[in-house]
C-alpha atoms as a PDB file:
ATOM      1  CA  MET A   1     108.970 107.285  83.813  1.00  0.00           C
ATOM      2  CA  ILE A   2     107.497 108.242  80.550  1.00  0.00           C
ATOM      3  CA  VAL A   3     105.807 104.839  80.099  1.00  0.00           C
ATOM      4  CA  PHE A   4     104.343 105.058  83.805  1.00  0.00           C
ATOM      5  CA  SER A   5     102.998 108.391  83.194  1.00  0.00           C
ATOM      6  CA  PHE A   6     101.393 107.327  80.014  1.00  0.00           C
ATOM      7  CA  VAL A   7      99.974 104.076  81.691  1.00  0.00           C
ATOM      8  CA  MET A   8      98.610 106.171  84.618  1.00  0.00           C
ATOM      9  CA  SER A   9      97.092 108.647  82.375  1.00  0.00           C
ATOM     10  CA  LYS A  10      95.147 105.851  80.497  1.00  0.00           C
ATOM     11  CA  ILE A  11      94.088 104.220  83.929  1.00  0.00           C
ATOM     12  CA  THR A  12      93.017 107.506  85.466  1.00  0.00           C
ATOM     13  CA  GLY A  13      91.858 109.321  82.370  1.00  0.00           C
ATOM     14  CA  PHE A  14      94.296 112.386  83.138  1.00  0.00           C
ATOM     15  CA  ASN A  15      97.728 113.381  82.438  1.00  0.00           C
ATOM     16  CA  LYS A  16      99.712 115.415  84.664  1.00  0.00           C
ATOM     17  CA  LEU A  17      99.263 118.512  82.608  1.00  0.00           C
ATOM     18  CA  GLU A  18      95.543 118.489  83.127  1.00  0.00           C
ATOM     19  CA  ALA A  19      93.672 119.836  86.110  1.00  0.00           C
ATOM     20  CA  LEU A  20      91.141 117.576  87.677  1.00  0.00           C
ATOM     21  CA  PRO A  21      87.629 118.547  86.694  1.00  0.00           C
ATOM     22  CA  ASP A  22      85.738 120.730  89.353  1.00  0.00           C
ATOM     23  CA  ASN A  23      83.700 117.850  90.587  1.00  0.00           C
ATOM     24  CA  GLU A  24      86.718 115.711  91.601  1.00  0.00           C
ATOM     25  CA  HIS A  25      88.590 116.240  94.647  1.00  0.00           C
ATOM     26  CA  MET A  26      91.720 114.446  95.894  1.00  0.00           C
ATOM     27  CA  ARG A  27      92.166 114.000  99.759  1.00  0.00           C
ATOM     28  CA  LEU A  28      94.737 112.746 101.731  1.00  0.00           C
ATOM     29  CA  LEU A  29      93.334 109.701 103.532  1.00  0.00           C
ATOM     30  CA  HIS A  30      96.016 108.125 105.442  1.00  0.00           C
ATOM     31  CA  THR A  31      99.717 107.415 106.220  1.00  0.00           C
ATOM     32  CA  MET A  32     100.702 103.832 106.848  1.00  0.00           C
ATOM     33  CA  LEU A  33     103.386 103.051 109.126  1.00  0.00           C
ATOM     34  CA  ARG A  34     104.710  99.541 109.825  1.00  0.00           C
ATOM     35  CA  VAL A  35     105.012  98.692 113.357  1.00  0.00           C
ATOM     36  CA  GLY A  36     106.756  96.071 115.469  1.00  0.00           C
ATOM     37  CA  ASN A  37     103.956  95.606 118.213  1.00  0.00           C
ATOM     38  CA  LEU A  38     100.450  96.847 117.522  1.00  0.00           C
ATOM     39  CA  GLN A  39      99.093  97.009 120.804  1.00  0.00           C
ATOM     40  CA  ARG A  40     102.177  99.202 121.989  1.00  0.00           C
ATOM     41  CA  SER A  41     101.810 101.488 118.901  1.00  0.00           C
ATOM     42  CA  ILE A  42      98.045 101.815 119.617  1.00  0.00           C
ATOM     43  CA  ASP A  43      98.713 102.662 123.260  1.00  0.00           C
ATOM     44  CA  PHE A  44     101.250 105.435 122.174  1.00  0.00           C
ATOM     45  CA  TYR A  45      99.066 107.101 119.767  1.00  0.00           C
ATOM     46  CA  THR A  46      96.114 106.843 121.840  1.00  0.00           C
ATOM     47  CA  GLN A  47      97.291 107.389 125.318  1.00  0.00           C
ATOM     48  CA  VAL A  48     100.559 109.695 124.742  1.00  0.00           C
ATOM     49  CA  LEU A  49      99.186 111.636 121.760  1.00  0.00           C
ATOM     50  CA  GLY A  50      95.544 111.749 122.553  1.00  0.00           C
ATOM     51  CA  MET A  51      94.297 110.052 119.272  1.00  0.00           C
ATOM     52  CA  GLN A  52      91.316 107.799 118.934  1.00  0.00           C
ATOM     53  CA  LEU A  53      91.326 104.202 117.798  1.00  0.00           C
ATOM     54  CA  LEU A  54      89.003 104.446 114.824  1.00  0.00           C
ATOM     55  CA  ARG A  55      88.942 100.980 113.741  1.00  0.00           C
ATOM     56  CA  ARG A  56      90.921  97.689 113.859  1.00  0.00           C
ATOM     57  CA  SER A  57      91.116  94.840 111.007  1.00  0.00           C
ATOM     58  CA  GLU A  58      92.389  91.318 111.677  1.00  0.00           C
ATOM     59  CA  ASN A  59      93.643  89.381 108.537  1.00  0.00           C
ATOM     60  CA  PRO A  60      95.173  86.205 109.866  1.00  0.00           C
ATOM     61  CA  GLU A  61      94.995  84.492 106.558  1.00  0.00           C
ATOM     62  CA  TYR A  62      97.340  86.905 105.081  1.00  0.00           C
ATOM     63  CA  LYS A  63      99.408  87.417 108.472  1.00  0.00           C
ATOM     64  CA  TYR A  64      98.569  91.211 108.917  1.00  0.00           C
ATOM     65  CA  SER A  65      96.819  93.421 111.449  1.00  0.00           C
ATOM     66  CA  LEU A  66      95.690  97.016 110.905  1.00  0.00           C
ATOM     67  CA  ALA A  67      94.628  99.806 113.324  1.00  0.00           C
ATOM     68  CA  PHE A  68      93.602 103.125 112.062  1.00  0.00           C
ATOM     69  CA  VAL A  69      94.081 106.083 114.664  1.00  0.00           C
ATOM     70  CA  GLY A  70      93.467 109.779 114.432  1.00  0.00           C
ATOM     71  CA  TYR A  71      91.876 112.874 116.040  1.00  0.00           C
ATOM     72  CA  GLU A  72      88.964 112.398 113.720  1.00  0.00           C
ATOM     73  CA  GLY A  73      88.184 110.038 110.815  1.00  0.00           C
ATOM     74  CA  ASN A  74      87.987 110.621 107.181  1.00  0.00           C
ATOM     75  CA  PRO A  75      86.624 112.589 105.672  1.00  0.00           C
ATOM     76  CA  ALA A  76      87.251 115.278 108.519  1.00  0.00           C
ATOM     77  CA  GLN A  77      91.077 114.536 108.789  1.00  0.00           C
ATOM     78  CA  SER A  78      93.455 112.074 107.586  1.00  0.00           C
ATOM     79  CA  GLU A  79      94.274 108.966 109.557  1.00  0.00           C
ATOM     80  CA  ILE A  80      97.338 107.200 110.412  1.00  0.00           C
ATOM     81  CA  GLU A  81      97.153 103.283 109.590  1.00  0.00           C
ATOM     82  CA  LEU A  82      99.563 101.095 111.881  1.00  0.00           C
ATOM     83  CA  THR A  83     100.272  98.011 110.025  1.00  0.00           C
ATOM     84  CA  TYR A  84     101.504  94.941 111.922  1.00  0.00           C
ATOM     85  CA  ASN A  85     103.041  92.187 109.671  1.00  0.00           C
ATOM     86  CA  HIS A  86     102.752  89.017 112.023  1.00  0.00           C
ATOM     87  CA  GLY A  87     106.119  87.900 113.147  1.00  0.00           C
ATOM     88  CA  VAL A  88     107.930  91.175 111.878  1.00  0.00           C
ATOM     89  CA  GLU A  89     109.117  92.908 115.374  1.00  0.00           C
ATOM     90  CA  SER A  90     111.066  95.797 113.747  1.00  0.00           C
ATOM     91  CA  TYR A  91     112.020  97.436 110.463  1.00  0.00           C
ATOM     92  CA  ASP A  92     114.889  99.543 109.044  1.00  0.00           C
ATOM     93  CA  MET A  93     113.772 103.169 108.843  1.00  0.00           C
ATOM     94  CA  GLY A  94     115.899 103.792 105.961  1.00  0.00           C
ATOM     95  CA  THR A  95     116.951 107.443 105.029  1.00  0.00           C
ATOM     96  CA  ALA A  96     113.669 108.386 102.878  1.00  0.00           C
ATOM     97  CA  TYR A  97     111.268 108.891 105.822  1.00  0.00           C
ATOM     98  CA  GLY A  98     111.144 112.147 107.455  1.00  0.00           C
ATOM     99  CA  HIS A  99     108.287 112.774 109.903  1.00  0.00           C
ATOM    100  CA  ILE A 100     104.688 113.278 110.591  1.00  0.00           C
ATOM    101  CA  ALA A 101     103.501 116.715 111.581  1.00  0.00           C
ATOM    102  CA  LEU A 102     100.857 117.501 114.105  1.00  0.00           C
ATOM    103  CA  GLY A 103      99.416 120.967 114.900  1.00  0.00           C
ATOM    104  CA  VAL A 104      99.391 121.960 118.486  1.00  0.00           C
ATOM    105  CA  PRO A 105      98.192 124.912 120.171  1.00  0.00           C
ATOM    106  CA  ASP A 106     100.911 125.295 122.606  1.00  0.00           C
ATOM    107  CA  ALA A 107     104.166 123.153 121.632  1.00  0.00           C
ATOM    108  CA  ALA A 108     105.837 123.395 125.132  1.00  0.00           C
ATOM    109  CA  LEU A 109     102.641 122.121 126.928  1.00  0.00           C
ATOM    110  CA  ALA A 110     102.407 119.382 124.416  1.00  0.00           C
ATOM    111  CA  VAL A 111     105.900 118.376 125.233  1.00  0.00           C
ATOM    112  CA  ASP A 112     105.511 118.317 128.966  1.00  0.00           C
ATOM    113  CA  LYS A 113     102.339 116.157 128.625  1.00  0.00           C
ATOM    114  CA  ILE A 114     103.998 113.728 126.223  1.00  0.00           C
ATOM    115  CA  ARG A 115     107.019 113.404 128.551  1.00  0.00           C
ATOM    116  CA  ALA A 116     104.612 112.810 131.650  1.00  0.00           C
ATOM    117  CA  ALA A 117     102.765 110.221 129.634  1.00  0.00           C
ATOM    118  CA  GLY A 118     106.063 108.314 128.968  1.00  0.00           C
ATOM    119  CA  GLY A 119     106.689 109.599 125.541  1.00  0.00           C
ATOM    120  CA  HIS A 120     110.154 110.379 124.129  1.00  0.00           C
ATOM    121  CA  VAL A 121     111.157 113.713 123.382  1.00  0.00           C
ATOM    122  CA  THR A 122     113.798 114.240 120.949  1.00  0.00           C
ATOM    123  CA  ARG A 123     113.650 118.134 120.458  1.00  0.00           C
ATOM    124  CA  ASP A 124     112.069 120.370 123.275  1.00  0.00           C
ATOM    125  CA  ALA A 125     109.920 123.343 121.764  1.00  0.00           C
ATOM    126  CA  GLY A 126     111.669 126.130 120.189  1.00  0.00           C
ATOM    127  CA  PRO A 127     111.976 128.091 116.968  1.00  0.00           C
ATOM    128  CA  VAL A 128     112.674 126.297 113.993  1.00  0.00           C
ATOM    129  CA  LYS A 129     116.076 127.165 112.545  1.00  0.00           C
ATOM    130  CA  GLY A 130     115.898 130.016 110.346  1.00  0.00           C
ATOM    131  CA  GLY A 131     112.321 130.898 111.224  1.00  0.00           C
ATOM    132  CA  THR A 132     110.025 131.817 113.921  1.00  0.00           C
ATOM    133  CA  THR A 133     107.564 128.745 114.131  1.00  0.00           C
ATOM    134  CA  ILE A 134     108.010 127.074 117.365  1.00  0.00           C
ATOM    135  CA  ILE A 135     108.358 123.149 116.841  1.00  0.00           C
ATOM    136  CA  ALA A 136     109.395 120.065 118.768  1.00  0.00           C
ATOM    137  CA  PHE A 137     109.792 116.499 117.817  1.00  0.00           C
ATOM    138  CA  VAL A 138     108.890 113.258 119.610  1.00  0.00           C
ATOM    139  CA  THR A 139     109.450 109.601 118.313  1.00  0.00           C
ATOM    140  CA  ASP A 140     107.110 106.775 118.686  1.00  0.00           C
ATOM    141  CA  PRO A 141     107.907 103.264 120.102  1.00  0.00           C
ATOM    142  CA  ASP A 142     109.115 102.141 116.711  1.00  0.00           C
ATOM    143  CA  GLY A 143     111.279 105.084 116.108  1.00  0.00           C
ATOM    144  CA  TYR A 144     109.112 107.188 113.756  1.00  0.00           C
ATOM    145  CA  LYS A 145     109.712 110.907 114.166  1.00  0.00           C
ATOM    146  CA  ILE A 146     106.573 113.224 114.942  1.00  0.00           C
ATOM    147  CA  GLU A 147     106.874 116.862 114.700  1.00  0.00           C
ATOM    148  CA  LEU A 148     104.773 119.158 116.829  1.00  0.00           C
ATOM    149  CA  ILE A 149     104.023 122.531 115.241  1.00  0.00           C
ATOM    150  CA  GLN A 150     102.611 125.154 117.335  1.00  0.00           C
ATOM    151  CA  ARG A 151      99.528 126.476 115.420  1.00  0.00           C
ATOM    152  CA  LYS A 152      96.506 128.631 116.226  1.00  0.00           C
ATOM    153  CA  GLN A 153      93.453 126.509 115.377  1.00  0.00           C
ATOM    154  CA  ASP A 154      92.610 128.602 112.313  1.00  0.00           C
ATOM    155  CA  LEU A 155      96.202 128.229 110.799  1.00  0.00           C
ATOM    156  CA  ALA A 156      96.240 124.210 111.109  1.00  0.00           C
ATOM    157  CA  GLY A 157      97.136 123.718 107.394  1.00  0.00           C
ATOM    158  CA  ALA A 158      99.804 126.490 107.286  1.00  0.00           C
ATOM    159  CA  GLY A 159     103.300 125.804 106.640  1.00  0.00           C
ATOM    160  CA  LEU A 160     106.309 126.818 108.726  1.00  0.00           C
ATOM    161  CA  ARG A 161     107.124 130.484 108.789  1.00  0.00           C
END
């Protein structure tokens, strides 16, 4: 780890103890999910969760295809990159992946709409254990968990309460 930190500090010009200069800003750009069927995943994120297909990229020479979805593109919001590796129909989730979280004004209403659109709801809207924030969970066609957190528009980036 020390060697990695040293190498990264030489590449980036920063070590982990230094703050970024005022003119440097890091942003979360996207989260990549590997999917077994690109069109099925695009349909879920656009038709069930109401996102937009922002762009697609076909790379037949390297045997993969990409689709970027989101409510707005960068830099306004981060995006989800759906990656389809040609010929791979499913992936082992492992134990490290948790979930993607989406802020919604009314979690119960969002669950009703997702269910009506054919989405799979795994936890109906209700308070988080040990707190007051209203949450729900759904899964996408590949089994990725998506948390719906009830938020007023002005609290979109706030954590659980």
